[in-house]
Each structure stands twice: as structure tokens, then as C-alpha cells.
Amino acid sequence: MIQSTTLVLRVLLDVCALAALAYWGFMTGETRRVRYRLGIGLPLLAGIAWALLGSPTTALPDMGIQHLVLEMVIFGSAILGLIACKQLFLASVFGLVVILNEVLIVIWSRI
């Protein structure tokens, strides 16, 4: 049950990362056009990268360290986006939950 909860939390964290990237994009641009391009394009790009390279159902073999780097880039970008938007509490909580979830996933993969 805990293992299933950990995996569900991971999916929710992925969605939150995309939402944080969209929030940063919509808050950053100087013009409406730039805001919409960043707010829609950046999460879309991150989602495509994850689907092609990081998803458990990808056709690529297990990439090990490259997979970890991809996770760090996506989650790190989301955290930095929240910090840039002065959402320090959300960035802190999100970062801590991501780390906790990653540790639990590693523990469950070794059992």
C-alpha cells in the first residue's frame, strides 16, 4: 500500500512540476504573447521530454544517471520557477516532497 501511495505521489509531483513551469511562464513574459508561449510551451516541452526519455513505458533502455539528470532538470526548473515568482514556501515544500519521494522510490526498488 505504501509503495502504491509513493507511485501515486510521484505522478502528482510530475503534474505539480508542469503546473509550476506553467505558472512561471505566465508570470514571466513581458507581453501577453510571450507569457502564453512560455506558459504553454515550457510545460509541453518538459512533458514531451519526460514521455520520450523518462517515462517508465518508454522504449529506451534504463538510462540510469541520465534519468536522474532529467528528473533533476524538470523538478529543479519547477523549483527555480517558483523561487523566481517569489513562492518560496511552495518551492521549499515541493522540493522537500520531491526528495522524500525519490528516497522512498529508491528504497522500494531495492526491496
Protein backbone atom coordinates (compact mmCIF):
# COMPACT_ATOMS: atom_id res chain seq x y z
CA MET A 1 0.00 0.00 0.00
CA ILE A 2 2.80 2.43 0.88
CA GLN A 3 4.55 1.58 -2.38
CA SER A 4 1.39 2.38 -4.38
CA THR A 5 0.97 5.64 -2.48
CA THR A 6 4.57 6.55 -3.30
CA LEU A 7 3.95 5.99 -7.02
CA VAL A 8 0.70 7.99 -6.94
CA LEU A 9 2.56 10.80 -5.18
CA ARG A 10 5.17 10.68 -7.93
CA VAL A 11 2.54 11.22 -10.61
CA LEU A 12 1.09 14.12 -8.62
CA LEU A 13 4.58 15.63 -8.30
CA ASP A 14 5.03 15.37 -12.06
CA VAL A 15 1.77 17.24 -12.59
CA CYS A 16 2.77 19.84 -9.98
CA ALA A 17 6.11 20.35 -11.74
CA LEU A 18 4.33 21.03 -15.03
CA ALA A 19 1.94 23.40 -13.25
CA ALA A 20 4.87 25.25 -11.63
CA LEU A 21 6.56 25.62 -15.02
CA ALA A 22 3.33 26.96 -16.50
CA TYR A 23 2.92 29.39 -13.59
CA TRP A 24 6.45 30.69 -14.06
CA GLY A 25 5.87 31.09 -17.80
CA PHE A 26 2.64 33.00 -17.38
CA MET A 27 4.18 35.28 -14.74
CA THR A 28 7.48 35.94 -16.53
CA GLY A 29 6.84 37.23 -20.01
CA GLU A 30 6.80 40.92 -20.81
CA THR A 31 3.94 40.68 -23.29
CA ARG A 32 0.84 38.54 -23.36
CA ARG A 33 2.16 36.64 -26.38
CA VAL A 34 5.43 35.77 -24.63
CA ARG A 35 3.60 34.78 -21.44
CA TYR A 36 1.34 32.39 -23.33
CA ARG A 37 4.23 30.88 -25.26
CA LEU A 38 6.23 30.32 -22.09
CA GLY A 39 3.24 29.24 -20.00
CA ILE A 40 2.11 26.66 -22.51
CA GLY A 41 5.32 25.81 -24.33
CA LEU A 42 7.61 25.10 -21.39
CA PRO A 43 5.37 22.53 -19.66
CA LEU A 44 4.63 21.00 -23.04
CA LEU A 45 8.35 20.68 -23.79
CA ALA A 46 9.01 19.18 -20.34
CA GLY A 47 6.15 16.72 -20.78
CA ILE A 48 7.39 15.62 -24.19
CA ALA A 49 10.94 15.19 -22.85
CA TRP A 50 9.62 13.12 -19.98
CA ALA A 51 7.41 11.00 -22.24
CA LEU A 52 10.28 10.28 -24.65
CA LEU A 53 13.12 9.87 -22.17
CA GLY A 54 11.92 9.42 -18.61
CA SER A 55 8.63 7.59 -18.63
CA PRO A 56 8.61 4.00 -17.32
CA THR A 57 6.85 2.99 -20.54
CA THR A 58 9.47 4.45 -22.87
CA ALA A 59 11.05 2.15 -25.44
CA LEU A 60 14.53 3.27 -24.43
CA PRO A 61 16.57 1.07 -22.10
CA ASP A 62 17.01 2.14 -18.49
CA MET A 63 19.30 5.14 -18.68
CA GLY A 64 20.39 5.25 -15.04
CA ILE A 65 22.21 8.52 -14.43
CA GLN A 66 20.65 10.20 -17.48
CA HIS A 67 17.21 9.51 -16.00
CA LEU A 68 18.24 11.11 -12.72
CA VAL A 69 19.61 14.14 -14.57
CA LEU A 70 16.32 14.51 -16.48
CA GLU A 71 14.40 14.37 -13.19
CA MET A 72 16.72 16.96 -11.66
CA VAL A 73 16.30 19.29 -14.64
CA ILE A 74 12.50 19.10 -14.66
CA PHE A 75 11.95 19.24 -10.90
CA GLY A 76 14.79 21.73 -10.43
CA SER A 77 13.34 24.01 -13.10
CA ALA A 78 9.96 23.87 -11.39
CA ILE A 79 11.53 24.77 -8.04
CA LEU A 80 13.57 27.60 -9.55
CA GLY A 81 10.47 28.87 -11.33
CA LEU A 82 8.59 29.02 -8.05
CA ILE A 83 11.51 30.82 -6.42
CA ALA A 84 11.63 33.32 -9.29
CA CYS A 85 7.93 34.01 -8.75
CA LYS A 86 8.63 34.61 -5.05
CA GLN A 87 6.73 31.49 -3.98
CA LEU A 88 9.42 30.42 -1.52
CA PHE A 89 7.16 28.37 0.74
CA LEU A 90 5.74 26.40 -2.20
CA ALA A 91 9.23 25.88 -3.63
CA SER A 92 10.51 24.60 -0.28
CA VAL A 93 7.61 22.23 0.30
CA PHE A 94 7.70 20.97 -3.27
CA GLY A 95 11.47 20.38 -3.10
CA LEU A 96 11.24 18.51 0.19
CA VAL A 97 8.40 16.30 -1.04
CA VAL A 98 10.30 15.54 -4.27
CA ILE A 99 13.37 14.49 -2.28
CA LEU A 100 11.32 12.37 0.14
CA ASN A 101 9.51 10.71 -2.75
CA GLU A 102 12.77 9.98 -4.57
CA VAL A 103 14.24 8.38 -1.44
CA LEU A 104 11.14 6.22 -0.98
CA ILE A 105 11.24 5.12 -4.62
CA VAL A 106 14.90 4.11 -4.26
CA ILE A 107 14.11 2.19 -1.07
CA TRP A 108 11.21 0.35 -2.70
CA SER A 109 13.25 -0.53 -5.79
CA ARG A 110 15.83 -2.29 -3.61
CA ILE A 111 13.32 -4.39 -1.70
